């Protein structure tokens, strides 16, 4: 269960600062020892991986500390929180978010040799001007470490958007994200409180408030891809009497069956928004912590594919069933894109798709 907000502020935030100082002190000593062992010809298992992780942790923690002090300064300047919801302070918090994500993005690139390539059709000048006048609803698959950070980073830095993100409540255990995200219009989802209808209502509220620079980010799968979640998603559809959707989900081994409620509610609540679908491949085979450790340094290219559906082509006037089928059609396109663009350099004994297809051929599930 998530600690109360007051506990998170007075315990977790100072703890991050203490850890940041400790890592800043330890990192030079560890790096010096690693260099010394290398000079005398001693091999230390995982030495380079450990240094890379420690370096990334140092940058992250220093960034966290700086962001927390910036947020404290804004809280004081706003009259001890009295004007935090006004436009100037909202803009300043988005600036903090953009700065922090850019810092983490660059650190990940240098520490883990991760590169991001985004494939999106180039719009005409007229189309680009029209796009800037419309909000967007972004529906993305969810898999691999840091994929949501990469997506929000791209929206902030490349498109100049103001993202509103539907995310898990446990992310509030990260102190700077906890402070910044709770001061901006976002939704934190917890299965322990509110229920599905409550969070669909919250998503509707966020969508209704989108302006021309707004971007509502939803991950309809509800979590990172794992074999267990993939199978449970299919069984959930079967229990609901949707054998047709379960069959379609079974034929999409790279993605989880999308939960349609929040996505379709957001689309209906903001009738002037374009819809963007995002597929990405490159980190999705890294399911566990051991997978990440084994593949460091990653030297990996994350290939992202963005499709933009103009407002005039979004089937808002169609009935609910037609909209559900439309969403599944797009998810099938995302699944195909992942198959075509997944790099082969990430070490894995067997691809998730091949493993799952083999399991289901044997079990008939």
Protein backbone atom coordinates (compact mmCIF):
# COMPACT_ATOMS: atom_id res chain seq x y z
CA UNK A 1 0.00 0.00 0.00
CA UNK A 2 1.28 3.48 -0.92
CA UNK A 3 2.37 5.64 2.08
CA UNK A 4 0.36 8.84 2.67
CA UNK A 5 1.52 11.95 0.83
CA UNK A 6 2.88 13.59 3.97
CA UNK A 7 5.08 10.56 4.71
CA UNK A 8 6.35 10.53 1.14
CA UNK A 9 7.28 14.21 1.40
CA UNK A 10 9.02 14.13 4.78
CA UNK A 11 10.67 10.69 4.46
CA UNK A 12 11.25 9.69 0.82
CA UNK A 13 12.28 13.10 -0.52
CA UNK A 14 15.03 13.67 2.10
CA UNK A 15 16.10 10.04 1.71
CA UNK A 16 16.75 10.59 -2.01
CA UNK A 17 19.00 13.54 -1.18
CA UNK A 18 20.97 11.46 1.34
CA UNK A 19 21.37 8.60 -1.16
CA UNK A 20 22.45 11.05 -3.87
CA UNK A 21 25.20 12.38 -1.62
CA UNK A 22 26.30 8.84 -0.73
CA UNK A 23 26.45 7.74 -4.38
CA UNK A 24 28.35 10.92 -5.32
CA UNK A 25 30.95 10.05 -2.69
CA UNK A 26 31.17 6.34 -3.56
CA UNK A 27 31.22 6.58 -7.37
CA UNK A 28 34.74 8.09 -7.76
CA UNK A 29 36.16 5.51 -5.35
CA UNK A 30 34.52 2.60 -7.19
CA UNK A 31 35.65 3.96 -10.56
CA UNK A 32 39.21 4.33 -9.25
CA UNK A 33 39.26 0.78 -7.90
CA UNK A 34 37.87 -0.59 -11.17
CA UNK A 35 40.56 1.27 -13.11
CA UNK A 36 43.27 0.00 -10.74
CA UNK A 37 42.13 -3.64 -11.05
CA UNK A 38 42.10 -3.25 -14.81
CA UNK A 39 45.64 -1.86 -14.84
CA UNK A 40 47.02 -4.86 -12.96
CA UNK A 41 45.14 -7.33 -15.13
CA UNK A 42 42.49 -8.47 -12.64
CA UNK A 43 39.05 -9.12 -14.07
CA UNK A 44 36.08 -8.23 -11.87
CA UNK A 45 32.79 -9.87 -13.03
CA UNK A 46 30.22 -7.24 -13.97
CA UNK A 47 32.69 -4.38 -13.41
CA UNK A 48 31.70 -2.32 -16.42
CA UNK A 49 28.03 -3.06 -15.97
CA UNK A 50 28.19 -2.03 -12.34
CA UNK A 51 29.95 1.23 -13.18
CA UNK A 52 27.41 2.06 -15.85
CA UNK A 53 24.49 1.42 -13.51
CA UNK A 54 26.16 3.44 -10.74
CA UNK A 55 26.83 6.33 -13.13
CA UNK A 56 23.21 6.35 -14.31
CA UNK A 57 21.98 6.18 -10.71
CA UNK A 58 24.22 9.13 -9.82
CA UNK A 59 22.84 11.28 -12.65
CA UNK A 60 19.27 10.26 -11.82
CA UNK A 61 19.64 11.01 -8.11
CA UNK A 62 21.38 14.34 -8.68
CA UNK A 63 18.60 15.26 -11.10
CA UNK A 64 16.00 14.19 -8.53
CA UNK A 65 17.64 16.34 -5.88
CA UNK A 66 17.80 19.38 -8.15
CA UNK A 67 14.17 18.92 -9.25
CA UNK A 68 13.01 18.67 -5.64
CA UNK A 69 14.77 21.92 -4.71
CA UNK A 70 13.31 23.64 -7.79
CA UNK A 71 9.83 22.44 -6.78
CA UNK A 72 10.41 23.70 -3.25
CA UNK A 73 11.39 27.09 -4.63
CA UNK A 74 8.25 27.24 -6.77
CA UNK A 75 6.10 26.24 -3.80
CA UNK A 76 7.52 29.12 -1.74
CA UNK A 77 7.32 31.62 -4.62
CA UNK A 78 3.69 30.67 -5.30
CA UNK A 79 2.67 31.78 -1.82
CA UNK A 80 3.34 28.42 -0.18
CA UNK A 81 1.33 26.56 -2.80
CA UNK A 82 -1.48 29.08 -3.24
CA UNK A 83 -0.85 29.73 -6.95
CA UNK A 84 0.58 26.37 -8.07
CA UNK A 85 -2.45 25.65 -10.29
CA UNK A 86 -2.15 28.93 -12.20
CA UNK A 87 -0.77 28.99 -15.75
CA UNK A 88 2.70 30.45 -15.00
CA UNK A 89 3.46 27.81 -12.38
CA UNK A 90 2.05 24.99 -14.52
CA UNK A 91 4.44 26.09 -17.30
CA UNK A 92 7.38 26.12 -14.87
CA UNK A 93 6.61 22.61 -13.68
CA UNK A 94 6.46 21.35 -17.27
CA UNK A 95 9.86 22.99 -17.76
CA UNK A 96 11.24 21.06 -14.78
CA UNK A 97 9.82 17.83 -16.18
CA UNK A 98 11.35 18.53 -19.60
CA UNK A 99 14.76 19.33 -18.07
CA UNK A 100 14.78 16.21 -15.90
CA UNK A 101 13.71 13.83 -18.67
CA UNK A 102 16.29 15.31 -21.06
CA UNK A 103 18.97 14.78 -18.39
CA UNK A 104 17.92 11.15 -17.85
CA UNK A 105 17.61 10.57 -21.61
CA UNK A 106 21.18 11.74 -22.24
CA UNK A 107 22.50 9.76 -19.27
CA UNK A 108 20.83 6.57 -20.54
CA UNK A 109 22.33 7.15 -23.98
CA UNK A 110 25.86 7.49 -22.64
CA UNK A 111 25.64 4.81 -19.95
CA UNK A 112 23.75 2.11 -21.82
CA UNK A 113 24.29 3.12 -25.47
CA UNK A 114 20.53 3.28 -26.05
CA UNK A 115 19.43 5.22 -29.13
CA UNK A 116 15.89 6.08 -30.17
CA UNK A 117 14.72 6.24 -33.79
CA UNK A 118 11.21 7.55 -34.40
CA UNK A 119 9.49 6.78 -37.69
CA UNK A 120 6.66 9.20 -38.39
CA UNK A 121 5.47 10.48 -41.79
CA UNK A 122 6.64 14.03 -42.45
CA UNK A 123 3.61 16.38 -42.61
CA UNK A 124 3.19 19.18 -45.12
CA UNK A 125 3.52 22.76 -43.86
CA UNK A 126 -0.26 23.20 -44.03
CA UNK A 127 -0.89 19.95 -42.18
CA UNK A 128 1.71 20.84 -39.54
CA UNK A 129 -0.01 24.16 -38.84
CA UNK A 130 -3.36 22.37 -38.49
CA UNK A 131 -1.84 19.81 -36.12
CA UNK A 132 -0.56 22.50 -33.79
CA UNK A 133 -4.11 23.77 -33.37
CA UNK A 134 -5.45 20.40 -32.17
CA UNK A 135 -4.89 18.38 -28.98
CA UNK A 136 -3.81 14.75 -29.24
CA UNK A 137 -4.68 11.52 -27.46
CA UNK A 138 -1.69 9.17 -27.46
CA UNK A 139 -2.33 5.44 -27.15
CA UNK A 140 0.89 3.47 -26.69
CA UNK A 141 1.87 -0.11 -26.05
CA UNK A 142 3.64 -0.61 -22.72
CA UNK A 143 6.73 -2.81 -22.57
CA UNK A 144 10.31 -2.61 -21.44
CA UNK A 145 12.12 -0.41 -18.90
CA UNK A 146 11.68 3.32 -19.36
CA UNK A 147 9.36 3.24 -22.37
CA UNK A 148 6.93 5.70 -20.81
CA UNK A 149 9.78 8.10 -20.02
CA UNK A 150 10.95 7.96 -23.64
CA UNK A 151 7.44 8.70 -24.90
CA UNK A 152 6.81 11.65 -22.56
CA UNK A 153 10.33 12.98 -23.28
CA UNK A 154 9.56 12.97 -27.00
CA UNK A 155 6.23 14.75 -26.54
CA UNK A 156 7.84 17.45 -24.39
CA UNK A 157 11.07 18.08 -26.27
CA UNK A 158 10.24 17.36 -29.92
CA UNK A 159 6.56 18.31 -30.15
CA UNK A 160 6.40 20.93 -27.40
CA UNK A 161 3.30 19.30 -25.96
CA UNK A 162 2.03 19.32 -22.39
CA UNK A 163 1.43 15.65 -21.58
CA UNK A 164 -1.21 14.46 -19.17
CA UNK A 165 -0.35 10.88 -18.28
CA UNK A 166 -2.41 7.99 -16.94
CA UNK A 167 0.07 6.06 -14.78
CA UNK A 168 0.31 3.59 -11.93
CA UNK A 169 0.00 4.97 -8.40
CA UNK A 170 3.22 3.21 -7.30
CA UNK A 171 5.24 5.64 -9.45
CA UNK A 172 4.57 8.19 -6.69
CA UNK A 173 7.29 6.42 -4.70
CA UNK A 174 9.70 8.37 -6.91
CA UNK A 175 9.88 11.69 -5.01
CA UNK A 176 10.40 14.20 -7.84
CA UNK A 177 7.81 12.49 -10.05
CA UNK A 178 5.45 12.42 -7.07
CA UNK A 179 5.75 16.18 -6.52
CA UNK A 180 5.73 17.35 -10.15
CA UNK A 181 3.07 14.94 -11.43
CA UNK A 182 0.67 15.73 -8.59
CA UNK A 183 0.96 19.45 -9.33
CA UNK A 184 0.05 18.86 -12.99
CA UNK A 185 -3.12 17.26 -14.44
CA UNK A 186 -2.37 13.53 -14.35
CA UNK A 187 -4.18 10.40 -13.18
CA UNK A 188 -2.66 7.78 -10.88
CA UNK A 189 -4.33 4.38 -11.10
CA UNK A 190 -4.54 2.06 -8.12
CA UNK A 191 -6.59 -1.14 -8.13
CA UNK A 192 -7.07 -0.77 -4.38
CA UNK A 193 -9.15 2.39 -4.50
CA UNK A 194 -11.82 3.94 -6.64
CA UNK A 195 -12.51 1.07 -9.02
CA UNK A 196 -12.45 1.08 -12.81
CA UNK A 197 -15.36 3.50 -13.18
CA UNK A 198 -13.64 6.07 -10.94
CA UNK A 199 -10.52 6.10 -13.09
CA UNK A 200 -12.46 6.16 -16.35
CA UNK A 201 -14.22 9.25 -14.96
CA UNK A 202 -10.83 10.78 -14.14
CA UNK A 203 -9.58 10.06 -17.66
CA UNK A 204 -12.70 11.72 -19.05
CA UNK A 205 -12.01 14.80 -16.91
CA UNK A 206 -8.44 15.05 -18.21
CA UNK A 207 -9.55 14.63 -21.81
CA UNK A 208 -12.21 17.34 -21.54
CA UNK A 209 -9.59 19.81 -20.30
CA UNK A 210 -7.16 19.37 -23.20
CA UNK A 211 -6.16 22.53 -25.04
CA UNK A 212 -4.33 22.83 -28.36
CA UNK A 213 -0.98 22.00 -26.73
CA UNK A 214 -2.38 19.13 -24.66
CA UNK A 215 -1.49 15.47 -25.06
CA UNK A 216 -3.30 12.80 -23.05
CA UNK A 217 -1.09 9.70 -22.78
CA UNK A 218 -2.77 6.35 -22.10
CA UNK A 219 -1.29 2.84 -22.03
CA UNK A 220 -4.38 0.70 -22.76
CA UNK A 221 -2.56 -2.53 -21.91
CA UNK A 222 -2.29 -1.44 -18.27
CA UNK A 223 1.23 -2.74 -17.69
CA UNK A 224 4.43 -4.06 -19.21
CA UNK A 225 4.25 -7.16 -21.38
CA UNK A 226 4.97 -10.45 -19.59
CA UNK A 227 3.92 -13.98 -20.58
CA UNK A 228 1.64 -14.23 -17.54
CA UNK A 229 -0.15 -10.96 -18.24
CA UNK A 230 -0.54 -11.94 -21.89
CA UNK A 231 -2.31 -15.18 -20.94
CA UNK A 232 -4.41 -13.53 -18.23
CA UNK A 233 -5.59 -10.90 -20.70
CA UNK A 234 -6.86 -13.61 -23.04
CA UNK A 235 -8.60 -15.46 -20.20
CA UNK A 236 -10.22 -12.20 -19.02
CA UNK A 237 -11.78 -11.69 -22.45
CA UNK A 238 -12.99 -15.29 -22.52
CA UNK A 239 -14.64 -14.91 -19.10
CA UNK A 240 -16.46 -11.84 -20.38
CA UNK A 241 -17.84 -13.80 -23.29
CA UNK A 242 -15.65 -12.09 -25.87
CA UNK A 243 -14.20 -15.17 -27.56
CA UNK A 244 -13.78 -13.12 -30.75
CA UNK A 245 -11.52 -10.58 -29.04
CA UNK A 246 -9.68 -13.36 -27.19
CA UNK A 247 -8.89 -14.98 -30.54
CA UNK A 248 -7.57 -11.68 -31.87
CA UNK A 249 -5.46 -11.19 -28.73
CA UNK A 250 -4.05 -14.71 -29.08
CA UNK A 251 -2.82 -13.76 -32.56
CA UNK A 252 -0.95 -10.74 -31.17
CA UNK A 253 1.93 -12.32 -29.21
CA UNK A 254 3.93 -9.09 -28.85
CA UNK A 255 1.28 -7.02 -27.07
CA UNK A 256 -1.33 -7.34 -24.34
CA UNK A 257 -5.03 -7.15 -25.13
CA UNK A 258 -5.95 -3.46 -24.84
CA UNK A 259 -8.44 -2.36 -22.20
CA UNK A 260 -10.80 -0.26 -24.24
CA UNK A 261 -12.75 1.66 -21.56
CA UNK A 262 -10.33 4.47 -20.79
CA UNK A 263 -9.11 4.93 -24.35
CA UNK A 264 -12.57 5.16 -25.92
CA UNK A 265 -13.82 7.41 -23.11
CA UNK A 266 -10.95 9.84 -23.72
CA UNK A 267 -11.60 9.88 -27.47
CA UNK A 268 -15.28 10.65 -26.91
CA UNK A 269 -14.57 13.32 -24.28
CA UNK A 270 -12.29 15.34 -26.56
CA UNK A 271 -14.00 15.42 -29.96
CA UNK A 272 -11.44 17.82 -31.45
CA UNK A 273 -8.36 15.64 -30.79
CA UNK A 274 -6.26 13.64 -33.20
CA UNK A 275 -5.32 10.13 -32.04
CA UNK A 276 -1.71 8.94 -32.12
CA UNK A 277 -0.79 5.26 -31.88
CA UNK A 278 2.74 4.37 -30.79
CA UNK A 279 4.62 1.11 -31.28
CA UNK A 280 8.20 0.63 -30.12
CA UNK A 281 10.60 -2.27 -30.16
CA UNK A 282 14.02 -2.70 -28.65
CA UNK A 283 13.61 -2.95 -24.90
CA UNK A 284 10.55 -5.19 -24.75
CA UNK A 285 12.50 -8.43 -24.28
CA UNK A 286 13.92 -7.06 -21.05
CA UNK A 287 11.16 -8.32 -18.78
CA UNK A 288 13.00 -8.87 -15.48
CA UNK A 289 15.84 -7.18 -13.60
CA UNK A 290 18.11 -10.09 -14.50
CA UNK A 291 17.31 -9.52 -18.20
CA UNK A 292 18.38 -5.88 -17.90
CA UNK A 293 21.59 -6.76 -16.02
CA UNK A 294 22.51 -9.53 -18.46
CA UNK A 295 22.15 -7.23 -21.47
CA UNK A 296 24.23 -4.32 -20.11
CA UNK A 297 25.69 -2.45 -21.87
CA UNK A 298 22.69 -2.67 -24.16
CA UNK A 299 24.07 -0.92 -27.28
CA UNK A 300 20.47 -0.94 -28.39
CA UNK A 301 18.32 0.96 -30.86
CA UNK A 302 14.72 1.55 -29.80
CA UNK A 303 12.65 1.84 -32.95
CA UNK A 304 9.39 3.70 -32.45
CA UNK A 305 6.63 3.99 -35.01
CA UNK A 306 4.05 6.79 -34.65
CA UNK A 307 0.78 6.84 -36.58
CA UNK A 308 -1.40 9.92 -36.41
CA UNK A 309 -5.12 9.54 -37.12
CA UNK A 310 -6.61 12.98 -37.95
CA UNK A 311 -9.71 14.00 -36.06
CA UNK A 312 -11.83 13.55 -39.20
CA UNK A 313 -10.82 9.87 -39.48
CA UNK A 314 -11.44 8.86 -35.84
CA UNK A 315 -14.72 6.84 -35.73
CA UNK A 316 -16.37 8.84 -32.96
CA UNK A 317 -19.81 8.57 -34.53
CA UNK A 318 -19.60 4.77 -34.81
CA UNK A 319 -21.23 2.51 -32.24
CA UNK A 320 -19.24 1.12 -29.31
CA UNK A 321 -18.57 -2.28 -30.89
CA UNK A 322 -17.20 -0.70 -34.07
CA UNK A 323 -14.88 1.47 -31.97
CA UNK A 324 -13.63 -1.59 -30.05
CA UNK A 325 -12.88 -3.39 -33.32
CA UNK A 326 -11.14 -0.25 -34.64
CA UNK A 327 -8.89 -0.16 -31.55
CA UNK A 328 -8.03 -3.85 -31.96
CA UNK A 329 -7.26 -3.23 -35.64
CA UNK A 330 -4.66 -0.68 -34.58
CA UNK A 331 -3.27 -2.99 -31.92
CA UNK A 332 -2.77 -5.64 -34.60
CA UNK A 333 -0.84 -3.08 -36.64
CA UNK A 334 1.31 -2.32 -33.59
CA UNK A 335 1.97 -6.04 -33.07
CA UNK A 336 3.07 -6.42 -36.70
CA UNK A 337 5.33 -3.39 -36.45
CA UNK A 338 7.06 -4.83 -33.38
CA UNK A 339 7.74 -8.09 -35.20
CA UNK A 340 9.22 -6.20 -38.14
CA UNK A 341 11.36 -3.78 -36.13
CA UNK A 342 12.54 -5.71 -33.07
CA UNK A 343 16.36 -5.79 -33.09
CA UNK A 344 18.03 -9.18 -32.82
CA UNK A 345 20.97 -8.00 -30.72
CA UNK A 346 19.31 -8.26 -27.30
CA UNK A 347 20.28 -11.56 -25.77
CA UNK A 348 17.34 -13.86 -25.14
CA UNK A 349 17.16 -17.64 -25.20
CA UNK A 350 13.94 -17.48 -27.17
CA UNK A 351 11.78 -14.68 -28.47
CA UNK A 352 8.59 -14.03 -26.44
CA UNK A 353 6.46 -14.50 -29.53
CA UNK A 354 7.94 -17.86 -30.41
CA UNK A 355 7.82 -19.08 -26.83
CA UNK A 356 4.19 -18.10 -26.31
CA UNK A 357 3.02 -19.49 -29.62
CA UNK A 358 4.71 -22.77 -28.77
CA UNK A 359 3.07 -22.86 -25.35
CA UNK A 360 -0.38 -22.22 -26.74
CA UNK A 361 -0.03 -24.71 -29.52
CA UNK A 362 0.71 -27.33 -26.86
CA UNK A 363 -1.95 -26.23 -24.37
CA UNK A 364 -4.69 -25.14 -26.74
CA UNK A 365 -5.37 -22.11 -24.48
